[in-house]
C-alpha cells in the first residue's frame, strides 16, 4: 500500500478536481478575495509594520519580486509572502475552516509564487484547492483538537498545505513533491500560548515563508523521508494530542474536500471561538431591547478548546480583546455590533466595558462538534437582568458567516469595501497604488479568467 506522504505527493503532481471544479474554484476565490481585504485593512497594524521592517532587512535585491498587497513596493517572493501572510492574520478577521485559517495560510504564498512565474488566476485557484485538500486529509486523521496540545492548526497544517500548493503551482512531479511535503512537515510549528499576541499572525507569515523554503530546497535536491507524514516519529504522530492519529488508512482522492467543508467568512474581527457568543448576545439584546447597565450576570457555555483560546478575562488592549469571551459579550451588549471600530484600546478600557467583564461567567459544554472538534456542539448564553428576567439564547450551532449559514453577497462585498476604506485612510497619497474597491473586487470575482496574476493589483 502506498503511504500517505507518497499518495499526497501523487495527488499534488496530478490532481483530479472532478466535474464540480468550477464550484471548488468559486469557494477558493471567495477565500482569497476576503483574505486580501483583511490584509489591506491591516496595513498599519504594528505587527504588519514589524514584519515589513524585518523583511526589508532580510530581503536583498527586490528585482523580480512580488508585490505587497497594501501597495508601495515589491520584495522577493518569499519575503512578500511572509509580510502579506502576517497582514492576512493581523486582525483575526480572515476566514475559518478545518480548525484553522486556510486562506491566510495559502493565499499569500500562492499569489507570491504566481506573481513570480506569471501564473494564471485559474492556476492559483487550483493550487489553493490542492493545498486545502492536503490540510483536510491531515486534519481528518486526528480525532482530537490540536489546540488542547498547544498546537496552532494554521501553523502546523498550514505549512504542509501551503507547501503542497506551491509544489502544484511549480509543476513538481511526485518524487519532488514528496520531498517538499516532508521538508514542510519538519518546518511546521506554532503555539496556542501565543494567541493574543503578535506572534499568532506571525504564524501565518511563517507558513508562507516556510512553504517557499520547502519547495525551493526540494527543487534543489534536498532529501527527506519518504514517509515523513505517517512515520511513527513523523508529523501526525508527533503532533497528535493523545496519540490517536490514523497513520495507516490509504488516501483515496475524491471530490475536492473544499466542496464539503467550504469556508466560513468571518463577520466579526475576533477569534472565531467567540462568534456564536456574539450572535447570541446581539440577538438577545435586540429582541429584548436590553440596557447593558441593567444586566446583572451573563453565563456563557462554550467548548473547552474554545475556552483555552478565549483566554483573556480582562483584556486591556484590542489585541487581547480578540481572544476574550468577556469582551465579546460586553461589546455585543453595549454596541450590538463587533466591528473594526470596536477593536480599539480606548473602547476596550471604557468603564462600562470593564464593569461587564466581571459579570461574565464561562461554563464548559463538553459535547464536541462532530464537524470540528475544536468547538463544542453548540454554544449558549443566559443573561440575568436586574428585574429578575432570565434571557436564554438556546443552542447556537453555527455563527453567521459559517459555511452552513453563509453571508449574502452584499455582505461579502460590504466587508471588502469596509476593509479597503480602512486601507485608503491609512495609505493616504499611496492609495493610488491600487484600483478602487469596486474595481479590485470585480477583478477578483473574475480571477479564474485572468491570464496573468501580475495584473491583479495594478492601479
Protein backbone atom coordinates (compact mmCIF):
# COMPACT_ATOMS: atom_id res chain seq x y z
CA UNK A 1 0.00 0.00 0.00
CA UNK A 2 1.25 3.46 -0.89
CA UNK A 3 1.96 5.50 2.22
CA UNK A 4 0.32 8.83 2.94
CA UNK A 5 3.27 11.05 2.03
CA UNK A 6 3.68 9.42 -1.38
CA UNK A 7 -0.07 9.31 -2.04
CA UNK A 8 -0.50 13.01 -1.29
CA UNK A 9 2.53 13.82 -3.43
CA UNK A 10 0.97 11.92 -6.34
CA UNK A 11 -2.21 13.95 -5.87
CA UNK A 12 -0.25 17.22 -5.77
CA UNK A 13 1.52 16.29 -9.00
CA UNK A 14 -1.66 15.26 -10.83
CA UNK A 15 -4.79 16.42 -9.03
CA UNK A 16 -8.16 15.32 -10.34
CA UNK A 17 -10.63 18.03 -9.37
CA UNK A 18 -13.72 16.36 -10.81
CA UNK A 19 -16.82 17.71 -12.54
CA UNK A 20 -17.52 20.35 -9.89
CA UNK A 21 -14.13 22.03 -10.15
CA UNK A 22 -15.73 25.37 -11.04
CA UNK A 23 -17.68 25.31 -7.77
CA UNK A 24 -14.49 24.46 -5.87
CA UNK A 25 -12.71 27.33 -7.63
CA UNK A 26 -15.52 29.68 -6.62
CA UNK A 27 -15.09 28.82 -2.93
CA UNK A 28 -11.33 29.27 -3.20
CA UNK A 29 -11.78 32.61 -4.95
CA UNK A 30 -14.08 33.84 -2.20
CA UNK A 31 -11.49 32.92 0.42
CA UNK A 32 -8.67 34.62 -1.46
CA UNK A 33 -10.76 37.75 -2.00
CA UNK A 34 -11.69 38.04 1.66
CA UNK A 35 -8.08 37.45 2.72
CA UNK A 36 -6.76 40.25 0.53
CA UNK A 37 -9.37 42.60 2.00
CA UNK A 38 -8.49 41.92 5.63
CA UNK A 39 -4.77 42.16 4.84
CA UNK A 40 -5.29 45.59 3.29
CA UNK A 41 -7.10 46.78 6.41
CA UNK A 42 -4.11 45.62 8.49
CA UNK A 43 -1.66 47.89 6.65
CA UNK A 44 -0.80 49.97 9.70
CA UNK A 45 -1.09 47.29 12.36
CA UNK A 46 2.05 47.16 14.47
CA UNK A 47 2.68 43.52 13.63
CA UNK A 48 2.46 44.26 9.90
CA UNK A 49 4.98 47.09 10.17
CA UNK A 50 7.34 44.92 12.23
CA UNK A 51 7.07 42.12 9.67
CA UNK A 52 7.77 44.60 6.87
CA UNK A 53 10.80 46.06 8.63
CA UNK A 54 12.11 42.56 9.21
CA UNK A 55 11.54 41.52 5.60
CA UNK A 56 13.25 44.63 4.26
CA UNK A 57 16.26 43.87 6.40
CA UNK A 58 16.42 40.29 5.17
CA UNK A 59 15.36 40.64 1.60
CA UNK A 60 18.30 41.66 -0.55
CA UNK A 61 17.54 42.81 -4.12
CA UNK A 62 13.84 43.12 -4.93
CA UNK A 63 14.22 42.61 -8.68
CA UNK A 64 11.67 40.14 -9.93
CA UNK A 65 9.82 40.48 -6.65
CA UNK A 66 6.19 40.09 -5.71
CA UNK A 67 4.05 43.00 -4.52
CA UNK A 68 2.95 43.81 -1.02
CA UNK A 69 -0.82 43.86 -1.37
CA UNK A 70 -1.19 47.08 0.57
CA UNK A 71 0.98 48.83 -2.01
CA UNK A 72 4.17 50.74 -2.30
CA UNK A 73 6.86 48.17 -3.02
CA UNK A 74 7.83 44.68 -4.05
CA UNK A 75 10.02 42.16 -2.25
CA UNK A 76 11.48 38.79 -3.23
CA UNK A 77 8.53 36.38 -3.40
CA UNK A 78 9.19 34.50 -0.15
CA UNK A 79 9.54 37.77 1.78
CA UNK A 80 6.47 39.31 0.16
CA UNK A 81 4.54 36.16 1.05
CA UNK A 82 5.76 36.47 4.64
CA UNK A 83 4.58 40.08 5.03
CA UNK A 84 1.28 39.52 3.23
CA UNK A 85 0.70 36.40 5.33
CA UNK A 86 1.24 38.30 8.58
CA UNK A 87 -1.10 41.06 7.39
CA UNK A 88 -3.72 38.47 6.43
CA UNK A 89 -3.99 37.26 10.02
CA UNK A 90 -3.16 40.51 11.85
CA UNK A 91 -6.78 41.48 12.50
CA UNK A 92 -8.00 37.91 13.07
CA UNK A 93 -10.69 38.76 10.53
CA UNK A 94 -9.73 36.09 7.98
CA UNK A 95 -11.81 33.03 7.14
CA UNK A 96 -12.03 29.76 9.05
CA UNK A 97 -12.23 26.05 8.24
CA UNK A 98 -10.59 22.82 9.38
CA UNK A 99 -9.93 24.26 12.87
CA UNK A 100 -7.76 26.99 11.39
CA UNK A 101 -7.41 29.73 8.81
CA UNK A 102 -6.81 28.16 5.38
CA UNK A 103 -6.87 31.31 3.28
CA UNK A 104 -4.37 33.18 5.44
CA UNK A 105 -2.08 30.17 5.18
CA UNK A 106 -2.48 29.66 1.44
CA UNK A 107 -3.23 32.94 -0.33
CA UNK A 108 -0.05 34.87 0.43
CA UNK A 109 2.19 32.01 -0.67
CA UNK A 110 0.19 31.22 -3.80
CA UNK A 111 -0.07 34.77 -5.11
CA UNK A 112 3.62 35.49 -4.47
CA UNK A 113 4.63 32.36 -6.38
CA UNK A 114 2.01 33.08 -9.01
CA UNK A 115 3.43 36.56 -9.49
CA UNK A 116 6.96 35.19 -9.74
CA UNK A 117 6.08 32.84 -12.58
CA UNK A 118 3.26 34.76 -14.26
CA UNK A 119 0.67 32.11 -13.39
CA UNK A 120 -2.95 32.40 -14.39
CA UNK A 121 -5.72 33.03 -11.92
CA UNK A 122 -7.08 29.54 -12.53
CA UNK A 123 -3.66 28.02 -11.79
CA UNK A 124 -3.65 29.87 -8.46
CA UNK A 125 -7.17 28.77 -7.59
CA UNK A 126 -6.35 25.14 -8.30
CA UNK A 127 -3.20 25.38 -6.21
CA UNK A 128 -5.42 26.63 -3.38
CA UNK A 129 -7.77 23.65 -3.79
CA UNK A 130 -4.78 21.27 -3.67
CA UNK A 131 -3.41 22.91 -0.53
CA UNK A 132 -6.83 22.78 1.12
CA UNK A 133 -7.14 19.09 0.23
CA UNK A 134 -3.82 18.21 1.86
CA UNK A 135 -4.78 20.16 5.00
CA UNK A 136 -8.19 18.45 5.12
CA UNK A 137 -6.69 14.99 4.72
CA UNK A 138 -4.20 15.51 7.53
CA UNK A 139 -6.85 17.03 9.81
CA UNK A 140 -9.28 14.17 9.13
CA UNK A 141 -6.77 11.68 10.55
CA UNK A 142 -6.72 13.29 14.01
CA UNK A 143 -9.78 12.83 16.27
CA UNK A 144 -8.63 15.31 18.92
CA UNK A 145 -8.30 19.10 18.57
CA UNK A 146 -4.70 20.19 18.17
CA UNK A 147 -5.40 23.24 20.33
CA UNK A 148 -5.58 21.16 23.52
CA UNK A 149 -1.98 20.04 22.97
CA UNK A 150 -0.94 23.63 22.33
CA UNK A 151 -0.56 23.41 18.55
CA UNK A 152 -1.98 26.13 16.30
CA UNK A 153 -3.51 24.23 13.35
CA UNK A 154 -2.98 27.14 10.97
CA UNK A 155 0.74 26.99 11.67
CA UNK A 156 1.23 23.23 11.56
CA UNK A 157 -1.31 22.00 8.98
CA UNK A 158 -0.91 25.26 7.07
CA UNK A 159 2.82 24.80 6.48
CA UNK A 160 2.32 21.42 4.80
CA UNK A 161 -0.76 22.66 2.91
CA UNK A 162 0.98 25.78 1.57
CA UNK A 163 3.95 23.64 0.57
CA UNK A 164 1.58 21.40 -1.39
CA UNK A 165 0.02 24.43 -3.08
CA UNK A 166 3.39 25.79 -4.18
CA UNK A 167 4.54 22.37 -5.35
CA UNK A 168 1.41 22.20 -7.51
CA UNK A 169 1.96 25.72 -8.85
CA UNK A 170 5.60 24.96 -9.70
CA UNK A 171 4.56 21.79 -11.51
CA UNK A 172 6.56 19.38 -9.37
CA UNK A 173 6.47 15.71 -10.27
CA UNK A 174 5.51 13.34 -7.47
CA UNK A 175 9.02 12.49 -6.16
CA UNK A 176 9.93 16.16 -5.78
CA UNK A 177 6.52 16.99 -4.30
CA UNK A 178 7.02 14.22 -1.73
CA UNK A 179 10.33 15.71 -0.65
CA UNK A 180 8.73 19.13 -0.37
CA UNK A 181 5.90 17.81 1.81
CA UNK A 182 8.38 16.02 4.07
CA UNK A 183 10.53 19.14 4.42
CA UNK A 184 7.45 21.25 5.13
CA UNK A 185 6.39 18.77 7.80
CA UNK A 186 9.69 19.30 9.60
CA UNK A 187 9.31 23.08 9.46
CA UNK A 188 5.77 23.17 10.88
CA UNK A 189 5.29 24.75 14.32
CA UNK A 190 3.21 27.31 16.22
CA UNK A 191 1.87 27.51 19.78
CA UNK A 192 -1.59 28.36 21.12
CA UNK A 193 0.16 30.01 24.07
CA UNK A 194 0.97 32.90 21.74
CA UNK A 195 -2.68 33.63 20.92
CA UNK A 196 -3.50 37.22 21.80
CA UNK A 197 0.00 38.41 20.86
CA UNK A 198 1.67 39.46 17.62
CA UNK A 199 3.18 36.01 17.31
CA UNK A 200 -0.17 34.49 16.27
CA UNK A 201 -0.27 36.40 12.95
CA UNK A 202 3.46 35.74 12.67
CA UNK A 203 2.48 32.07 12.33
CA UNK A 204 0.59 32.81 9.09
CA UNK A 205 3.55 34.70 7.66
CA UNK A 206 5.94 31.92 8.62
CA UNK A 207 3.66 29.37 6.94
CA UNK A 208 4.03 31.22 3.64
CA UNK A 209 7.78 31.74 4.01
CA UNK A 210 8.42 28.14 5.07
CA UNK A 211 6.42 26.83 2.12
CA UNK A 212 8.80 28.71 -0.17
CA UNK A 213 11.74 27.29 1.75
CA UNK A 214 10.41 23.73 1.50
CA UNK A 215 9.70 23.76 -2.23
CA UNK A 216 12.92 25.58 -3.08
CA UNK A 217 15.04 23.10 -1.14
CA UNK A 218 13.14 20.14 -2.58
CA UNK A 219 13.65 21.51 -6.08
CA UNK A 220 17.38 21.78 -5.42
CA UNK A 221 17.51 18.12 -4.42
CA UNK A 222 17.43 18.20 -0.62
CA UNK A 223 16.46 14.75 0.61
CA UNK A 224 13.75 13.94 3.14
CA UNK A 225 11.95 10.89 4.49
CA UNK A 226 9.61 9.07 2.12
CA UNK A 227 7.11 8.64 4.96
CA UNK A 228 7.55 11.84 6.97
CA UNK A 229 3.81 12.35 7.45
CA UNK A 230 2.81 8.84 8.57
CA UNK A 231 6.02 7.54 10.20
CA UNK A 232 5.77 6.53 13.87
CA UNK A 233 8.03 9.50 14.61
CA UNK A 234 6.58 11.68 11.86
CA UNK A 235 4.21 14.62 11.54
CA UNK A 236 0.91 13.02 12.56
CA UNK A 237 2.32 11.00 15.45
CA UNK A 238 4.47 13.79 16.84
CA UNK A 239 1.68 16.37 16.91
CA UNK A 240 -1.23 14.13 17.95
CA UNK A 241 -2.65 15.27 21.32
CA UNK A 242 -3.38 11.73 22.57
CA UNK A 243 -1.55 9.57 20.05
CA UNK A 244 -4.78 8.63 18.24
CA UNK A 245 -3.89 9.82 14.72
CA UNK A 246 -4.74 7.39 11.91
CA UNK A 247 -1.42 6.88 10.15
CA UNK A 248 -2.39 3.72 8.25
CA UNK A 249 -5.51 4.48 6.23
CA UNK A 250 -4.93 4.78 2.49
CA UNK A 251 -5.53 8.16 0.89
CA UNK A 252 -8.06 7.86 -1.91
CA UNK A 253 -8.71 11.14 -3.76
CA UNK A 254 -12.30 12.02 -4.43
CA UNK A 255 -14.19 15.24 -4.95
CA UNK A 256 -12.23 18.18 -3.54
CA UNK A 257 -12.95 18.38 0.16
CA UNK A 258 -13.44 22.12 -0.09
CA UNK A 259 -16.84 21.30 -1.61
CA UNK A 260 -17.93 19.52 1.58
CA UNK A 261 -16.46 21.72 4.31
CA UNK A 262 -16.17 25.04 2.48
CA UNK A 263 -15.02 28.24 4.15
CA UNK A 264 -16.58 30.28 6.91
CA UNK A 265 -16.17 34.01 6.28
CA UNK A 266 -15.82 35.96 9.50
CA UNK A 267 -18.46 38.54 10.32
CA UNK A 268 -16.51 39.78 13.35
CA UNK A 269 -12.77 40.63 13.62
CA UNK A 270 -12.13 38.47 16.68
CA UNK A 271 -11.20 34.86 17.39
CA UNK A 272 -13.76 32.58 15.76
CA UNK A 273 -14.31 30.80 19.08
CA UNK A 274 -16.37 33.80 20.18
CA UNK A 275 -18.57 34.29 17.13
CA UNK A 276 -21.53 32.19 18.25
CA UNK A 277 -21.49 34.05 21.57
CA UNK A 278 -21.60 37.40 19.78
CA UNK A 279 -24.50 36.34 17.57
CA UNK A 280 -26.44 35.09 20.59
CA UNK A 281 -25.88 38.23 22.68
CA UNK A 282 -26.72 40.60 19.82
CA UNK A 283 -29.92 38.68 19.08
CA UNK A 284 -30.99 38.73 22.74
CA UNK A 285 -30.09 42.41 23.12
CA UNK A 286 -32.11 43.39 20.07
CA UNK A 287 -35.09 41.19 20.80
CA UNK A 288 -35.43 42.43 24.40
CA UNK A 289 -34.04 45.93 23.72
CA UNK A 290 -31.61 45.42 26.58
CA UNK A 291 -29.97 48.18 28.57
CA UNK A 292 -26.45 46.93 29.34
CA UNK A 293 -26.49 48.72 32.70
CA UNK A 294 -29.40 46.52 33.79
CA UNK A 295 -27.50 43.29 33.16
CA UNK A 296 -26.72 41.50 36.43
CA UNK A 297 -24.86 38.42 35.18
CA UNK A 298 -24.08 36.54 31.96
CA UNK A 299 -23.43 32.80 31.69
CA UNK A 300 -21.71 31.58 28.55
CA UNK A 301 -21.39 27.92 27.55
CA UNK A 302 -18.55 27.06 25.15
CA UNK A 303 -16.23 24.14 24.42
CA UNK A 304 -13.04 23.51 26.33
CA UNK A 305 -10.76 24.22 23.33
CA UNK A 306 -12.65 27.47 22.74
CA UNK A 307 -12.15 28.48 26.36
CA UNK A 308 -8.42 27.85 26.02
CA UNK A 309 -8.32 30.24 23.07
CA UNK A 310 -10.54 32.91 24.66
CA UNK A 311 -8.02 33.24 27.44
CA UNK A 312 -8.16 36.94 28.34
CA UNK A 313 -10.79 37.54 31.02
CA UNK A 314 -9.97 41.24 31.48
CA UNK A 315 -8.31 42.49 28.29
CA UNK A 316 -6.56 45.86 28.24
CA UNK A 317 -5.57 46.01 24.57
CA UNK A 318 -7.51 45.42 21.37
CA UNK A 319 -5.22 42.51 20.57
CA UNK A 320 -6.03 40.84 23.88
CA UNK A 321 -9.72 41.58 23.35
CA UNK A 322 -9.76 39.46 20.19
CA UNK A 323 -9.22 36.46 22.46
CA UNK A 324 -11.69 37.29 25.21
CA UNK A 325 -15.18 35.89 25.75
CA UNK A 326 -15.75 38.74 28.19
CA UNK A 327 -15.01 41.33 25.52
CA UNK A 328 -17.22 39.53 23.00
CA UNK A 329 -20.16 39.64 25.41
CA UNK A 330 -19.57 43.20 26.61
CA UNK A 331 -19.13 44.72 23.15
CA UNK A 332 -22.20 42.90 21.83
CA UNK A 333 -24.25 44.18 24.78
CA UNK A 334 -23.05 47.77 24.63
CA UNK A 335 -22.94 48.35 20.88
CA UNK A 336 -24.91 45.44 19.44
CA UNK A 337 -22.13 45.01 16.92
CA UNK A 338 -18.49 43.96 16.93
CA UNK A 339 -16.54 45.52 14.08
CA UNK A 340 -13.18 47.08 13.42
CA UNK A 341 -14.24 50.23 15.27
CA UNK A 342 -14.78 48.22 18.47
CA UNK A 343 -11.25 46.81 18.32
CA UNK A 344 -9.77 49.91 19.87
CA UNK A 345 -7.75 50.14 23.08
CA UNK A 346 -9.84 53.04 24.36
CA UNK A 347 -13.12 51.17 23.86
CA UNK A 348 -11.70 48.01 25.44
CA UNK A 349 -10.94 50.03 28.58
CA UNK A 350 -14.14 52.08 28.83
CA UNK A 351 -15.59 51.84 32.37
CA UNK A 352 -18.82 50.32 31.07
CA UNK A 353 -16.86 47.60 29.29
CA UNK A 354 -14.68 46.81 32.29
CA UNK A 355 -17.75 46.60 34.51
CA UNK A 356 -19.26 44.00 32.19
CA UNK A 357 -16.10 41.86 32.04
CA UNK A 358 -16.59 40.99 35.69
CA UNK A 359 -20.16 39.84 35.07
CA UNK A 360 -19.35 37.11 32.55
CA UNK A 361 -19.11 33.51 33.76
CA UNK A 362 -17.68 30.82 31.47
CA UNK A 363 -19.10 27.30 31.58
CA UNK A 364 -17.94 24.31 29.55
CA UNK A 365 -20.06 22.41 27.03
CA UNK A 366 -18.33 19.02 26.88
CA UNK A 367 -20.03 17.65 23.75
CA UNK A 368 -17.73 18.31 20.77
CA UNK A 369 -18.92 19.49 17.39
CA UNK A 370 -18.92 16.40 15.13
CA UNK A 371 -17.77 18.59 12.24
CA UNK A 372 -14.93 20.33 14.10
CA UNK A 373 -13.64 19.07 17.43
CA UNK A 374 -12.07 22.46 18.23
CA UNK A 375 -15.62 23.64 19.03
CA UNK A 376 -18.47 22.47 21.21
CA UNK A 377 -21.54 21.05 19.52
CA UNK A 378 -23.26 24.34 20.37
CA UNK A 379 -22.74 27.48 22.46
CA UNK A 380 -25.25 29.01 24.85
CA UNK A 381 -25.80 32.38 26.51
CA UNK A 382 -28.01 33.21 29.50
CA UNK A 383 -28.43 36.80 30.68
CA UNK A 384 -29.78 37.59 34.15
CA UNK A 385 -31.40 41.02 34.33
CA UNK A 386 -31.70 43.13 37.47
CA UNK A 387 -35.50 43.00 37.19
CA UNK A 388 -35.44 39.21 37.55
CA UNK A 389 -35.80 38.24 33.91
CA UNK A 390 -33.55 35.49 32.53
CA UNK A 391 -32.94 35.60 28.78
CA UNK A 392 -31.76 32.41 27.08
CA UNK A 393 -30.30 32.03 23.62
CA UNK A 394 -30.92 28.34 23.22
CA UNK A 395 -28.33 26.22 21.44
CA UNK A 396 -26.36 28.16 18.81
CA UNK A 397 -24.79 25.74 16.33
CA UNK A 398 -23.50 27.93 13.50
CA UNK A 399 -22.40 31.57 13.59
CA UNK A 400 -23.35 33.96 10.83
CA UNK A 401 -20.85 33.58 8.01
CA UNK A 402 -20.33 29.86 8.61
CA UNK A 403 -20.24 27.67 5.51
CA UNK A 404 -23.68 26.36 6.60
CA UNK A 405 -25.00 29.89 7.29
CA UNK A 406 -23.16 31.98 4.69
CA UNK A 407 -23.13 35.72 4.39
CA UNK A 408 -25.05 37.20 1.48
CA UNK A 409 -23.09 38.51 -1.49
CA UNK A 410 -23.97 42.06 -0.46
CA UNK A 411 -22.47 41.43 2.99
CA UNK A 412 -19.29 39.96 1.49
CA UNK A 413 -18.86 42.96 -0.77
CA UNK A 414 -19.62 45.36 2.10
CA UNK A 415 -16.91 43.74 4.23
CA UNK A 416 -14.44 44.03 1.35
CA UNK A 417 -15.28 47.70 0.80
CA UNK A 418 -15.11 48.46 4.55
CA UNK A 419 -11.64 46.93 4.71
CA UNK A 420 -10.49 48.85 1.66
CA UNK A 421 -11.85 52.07 3.15
CA UNK A 422 -9.68 51.48 6.23
CA UNK A 423 -6.70 50.87 3.96
CA UNK A 424 -7.31 54.06 1.97
CA UNK A 425 -7.45 56.16 5.13
CA UNK A 426 -4.17 54.64 6.24
CA UNK A 427 -2.48 54.80 2.84
CA UNK A 428 -3.25 58.45 2.12
CA UNK A 429 -1.41 59.54 -1.01
CA UNK A 430 -0.27 55.96 -1.60
CA UNK A 431 -3.87 54.87 -2.17
CA UNK A 432 -3.48 55.40 -5.91
CA UNK A 433 -1.25 52.30 -5.97
CA UNK A 434 -4.35 50.08 -6.12
CA UNK A 435 -7.57 50.20 -8.13
CA UNK A 436 -10.80 51.26 -6.46
CA UNK A 437 -12.54 48.89 -4.08
CA UNK A 438 -15.20 48.09 -6.65
CA UNK A 439 -12.69 47.54 -9.43
CA UNK A 440 -10.47 45.26 -7.33
CA UNK A 441 -13.46 43.29 -6.06
CA UNK A 442 -14.72 42.79 -9.62
CA UNK A 443 -11.23 41.82 -10.78
CA UNK A 444 -11.02 39.20 -8.05
CA UNK A 445 -14.52 37.99 -8.90
CA UNK A 446 -13.18 37.06 -12.34
CA UNK A 447 -9.89 35.63 -11.04
CA UNK A 448 -10.40 32.36 -12.91
CA UNK A 449 -10.37 34.30 -16.20
CA UNK A 450 -7.19 36.30 -15.50
CA UNK A 451 -4.31 35.10 -17.68
CA UNK A 452 -1.54 36.56 -15.52
CA UNK A 453 -1.96 37.40 -11.83
CA UNK A 454 0.71 40.09 -12.14
CA UNK A 455 -2.09 42.32 -13.45
CA UNK A 456 -4.23 41.82 -10.34
CA UNK A 457 -3.04 44.75 -8.22
CA UNK A 458 -2.24 47.23 -10.95
CA UNK A 459 -3.94 50.57 -10.39
